[in-house]
Amino acid sequence: MNLDESLFKKALKIQNFDNEVIKVTDKTIEFLESIGLSSETIEFFKTFSFREEIEFGNVYFNCVNRIRTENLEEENKEIYKNHLLIIGSGLNGDPIVLNTKTLNVGYIFHDILWEEDNIEDLNKIYIDLKMSVGTFFYKSVSKEDFPVDAYEAEDYIK
């Protein structure tokens, strides 16, 4: 399992993003540990913890210290329990998620997630792009037809 940190750094450079890294809060680290994230993944988040979210083309990487609160929101709380951690958002608000088992990145259809009361199988609304965090955000700034939401991602993987 690889996060492709070097590609994430290249994506930051393309975006001319040069912000100071801030400390990840103890509560955030405790949350990340409680859901079983590897130390490698937690270190990745510590390395890329900034004061604000980062725009990569038309998608966003969350402020690391907001990952805990976003994942614990009422409409999102089932996601992390199913090994999908919200780490950003697409152009229309679809959550960008990290599969905590495979470390692949994908999208969740937000309209289905937030409008249906009982979603028995999150895999029906999860689009796995089968790529690392670094690859995902690098392609989002370097590839013109890269998907910016779950609908485009669905077509992209076909």
Protein backbone atom coordinates (compact mmCIF):
# COMPACT_ATOMS: atom_id res chain seq x y z
CA MET A 1 0.00 0.00 0.00
CA ASN A 2 1.41 3.30 -1.08
CA LEU A 3 0.26 6.87 -0.55
CA ASP A 4 2.57 8.32 -3.25
CA GLU A 5 3.69 11.26 -1.13
CA SER A 6 6.05 12.46 -3.90
CA LEU A 7 3.14 12.87 -6.34
CA PHE A 8 1.18 14.77 -3.70
CA LYS A 9 4.15 17.11 -3.34
CA LYS A 10 4.29 17.56 -7.13
CA ALA A 11 0.59 18.44 -7.13
CA LEU A 12 1.18 21.03 -4.41
CA LYS A 13 4.00 22.50 -6.46
CA ILE A 14 1.81 22.71 -9.59
CA GLN A 15 -0.74 24.61 -7.50
CA ASN A 16 2.01 26.90 -6.15
CA PHE A 17 0.87 25.91 -2.67
CA ASP A 18 3.49 26.79 -0.13
CA ASN A 19 1.90 27.00 3.28
CA GLU A 20 3.30 26.28 6.68
CA VAL A 21 2.52 22.88 8.13
CA ILE A 22 0.54 23.08 11.37
CA LYS A 23 0.36 20.55 14.20
CA VAL A 24 -2.29 17.88 13.94
CA THR A 25 -4.39 18.04 17.10
CA ASP A 26 -4.33 15.22 19.63
CA LYS A 27 -8.07 14.67 19.07
CA THR A 28 -7.50 14.23 15.34
CA ILE A 29 -4.65 11.78 15.91
CA GLU A 30 -6.73 9.84 18.45
CA PHE A 31 -9.58 9.61 15.92
CA LEU A 32 -7.26 8.44 13.12
CA GLU A 33 -5.75 5.82 15.42
CA SER A 34 -9.19 4.70 16.64
CA ILE A 35 -10.27 3.84 13.11
CA GLY A 36 -7.16 1.75 12.58
CA LEU A 37 -5.11 3.96 10.28
CA SER A 38 -1.53 2.86 9.84
CA SER A 39 1.26 4.97 11.28
CA GLU A 40 2.41 5.62 7.68
CA THR A 41 -0.97 7.14 6.84
CA ILE A 42 -1.06 9.23 10.01
CA GLU A 43 2.45 10.51 9.18
CA PHE A 44 1.19 11.47 5.71
CA PHE A 45 -1.56 13.55 7.29
CA LYS A 46 0.93 15.16 9.69
CA THR A 47 3.17 16.08 6.74
CA PHE A 48 0.31 17.72 4.86
CA SER A 49 -1.56 19.41 7.70
CA PHE A 50 -2.31 22.99 6.69
CA ARG A 51 -4.48 25.75 8.10
CA GLU A 52 -6.98 25.56 5.24
CA GLU A 53 -8.22 23.12 2.67
CA ILE A 54 -6.19 22.87 -0.52
CA GLU A 55 -7.73 23.32 -3.94
CA PHE A 56 -6.32 20.94 -6.55
CA GLY A 57 -7.96 22.04 -9.77
CA ASN A 58 -11.63 21.42 -9.09
CA VAL A 59 -11.28 19.14 -6.06
CA TYR A 60 -10.31 19.83 -2.47
CA PHE A 61 -8.11 18.18 0.15
CA ASN A 62 -9.47 18.89 3.63
CA CYS A 63 -7.63 20.64 6.38
CA VAL A 64 -6.35 17.61 8.32
CA ASN A 65 -7.62 18.96 11.64
CA ARG A 66 -11.15 19.05 10.20
CA ILE A 67 -11.13 15.43 9.03
CA ARG A 68 -12.34 14.17 12.41
CA THR A 69 -15.25 16.59 12.71
CA GLU A 70 -16.37 16.08 9.11
CA ASN A 71 -16.34 12.32 9.46
CA LEU A 72 -18.29 12.49 12.72
CA GLU A 73 -21.09 14.67 11.30
CA GLU A 74 -24.47 12.97 11.47
CA GLU A 75 -24.88 12.55 7.70
CA ASN A 76 -21.35 11.19 7.29
CA LYS A 77 -20.80 9.03 10.37
CA GLU A 78 -21.48 5.68 8.68
CA ILE A 79 -18.75 6.28 6.11
CA TYR A 80 -15.71 5.88 8.36
CA LYS A 81 -17.35 2.90 10.06
CA ASN A 82 -17.18 1.24 6.64
CA HIS A 83 -13.45 1.88 6.20
CA LEU A 84 -13.94 5.02 4.10
CA LEU A 85 -12.47 8.23 5.49
CA ILE A 86 -13.57 11.57 4.05
CA ILE A 87 -10.41 13.50 3.14
CA GLY A 88 -11.79 16.05 0.69
CA SER A 89 -14.60 16.94 -1.67
CA GLY A 90 -15.32 17.10 -5.36
CA LEU A 91 -16.66 20.02 -7.33
CA ASN A 92 -20.32 19.35 -6.48
CA GLY A 93 -19.75 18.28 -2.88
CA ASP A 94 -19.24 14.55 -3.36
CA PRO A 95 -16.92 13.37 -0.58
CA ILE A 96 -13.47 12.22 -1.62
CA VAL A 97 -12.69 9.21 0.54
CA LEU A 98 -9.66 7.17 1.44
CA ASN A 99 -10.33 3.46 1.76
CA THR A 100 -8.55 2.74 5.04
CA LYS A 101 -8.00 -0.93 4.10
CA THR A 102 -6.58 -0.51 0.57
CA LEU A 103 -5.48 3.17 0.73
CA ASN A 104 -7.26 3.72 -2.59
CA VAL A 105 -9.08 7.00 -3.14
CA GLY A 106 -12.58 7.35 -4.53
CA TYR A 107 -15.84 9.27 -4.38
CA ILE A 108 -19.14 8.81 -2.56
CA PHE A 109 -22.37 10.03 -4.21
CA HIS A 110 -23.35 12.74 -1.71
CA ASP A 111 -26.91 13.11 -2.97
CA ILE A 112 -27.70 9.46 -2.29
CA LEU A 113 -25.77 9.45 1.00
CA TRP A 114 -27.53 12.48 2.40
CA GLU A 115 -31.02 11.87 1.01
CA GLU A 116 -31.57 8.18 1.76
CA ASP A 117 -32.12 7.14 5.36
CA ASN A 118 -30.84 3.58 5.31
CA ILE A 119 -28.02 2.77 2.97
CA GLU A 120 -27.36 -0.88 3.57
CA ASP A 121 -24.26 -1.13 1.39
CA LEU A 122 -22.00 1.90 0.99
CA ASN A 123 -20.19 0.09 -1.83
CA LYS A 124 -23.23 0.85 -4.00
CA ILE A 125 -22.52 4.58 -3.74
CA TYR A 126 -18.71 4.38 -3.51
CA ILE A 127 -16.63 4.71 -6.67
CA ASP A 128 -13.13 3.29 -6.11
CA LEU A 129 -10.67 4.95 -8.48
CA LYS A 130 -8.02 2.40 -7.53
CA MET A 131 -5.32 5.00 -7.08
CA SER A 132 -3.32 6.44 -4.21
CA VAL A 133 -3.89 9.81 -2.54
CA GLY A 134 -0.85 11.25 -4.29
CA THR A 135 -1.87 9.92 -7.70
CA PHE A 136 -5.43 11.18 -7.28
CA PHE A 137 -4.49 14.75 -6.41
CA TYR A 138 -1.64 14.84 -8.94
CA LYS A 139 -3.95 13.73 -11.75
CA SER A 140 -6.56 16.25 -10.61
CA VAL A 141 -4.14 19.07 -11.54
CA SER A 142 -2.29 17.44 -14.43
CA LYS A 143 -4.94 15.55 -16.38
CA GLU A 144 -7.60 17.56 -18.18
CA ASP A 145 -10.44 15.01 -18.17
CA PHE A 146 -9.93 13.83 -14.59
CA PRO A 147 -13.21 13.26 -12.71
CA VAL A 148 -14.35 16.01 -10.35
CA ASP A 149 -17.28 14.09 -8.83
CA ALA A 150 -18.74 10.61 -8.41
CA TYR A 151 -20.71 10.70 -11.69
CA GLU A 152 -17.61 11.48 -13.72
CA ALA A 153 -15.64 8.92 -11.72
CA GLU A 154 -18.19 6.26 -12.58
CA ASP A 155 -17.61 6.93 -16.30
CA TYR A 156 -13.84 7.21 -15.80
CA ILE A 157 -13.45 3.68 -14.47
CA LYS A 158 -15.55 2.05 -17.20
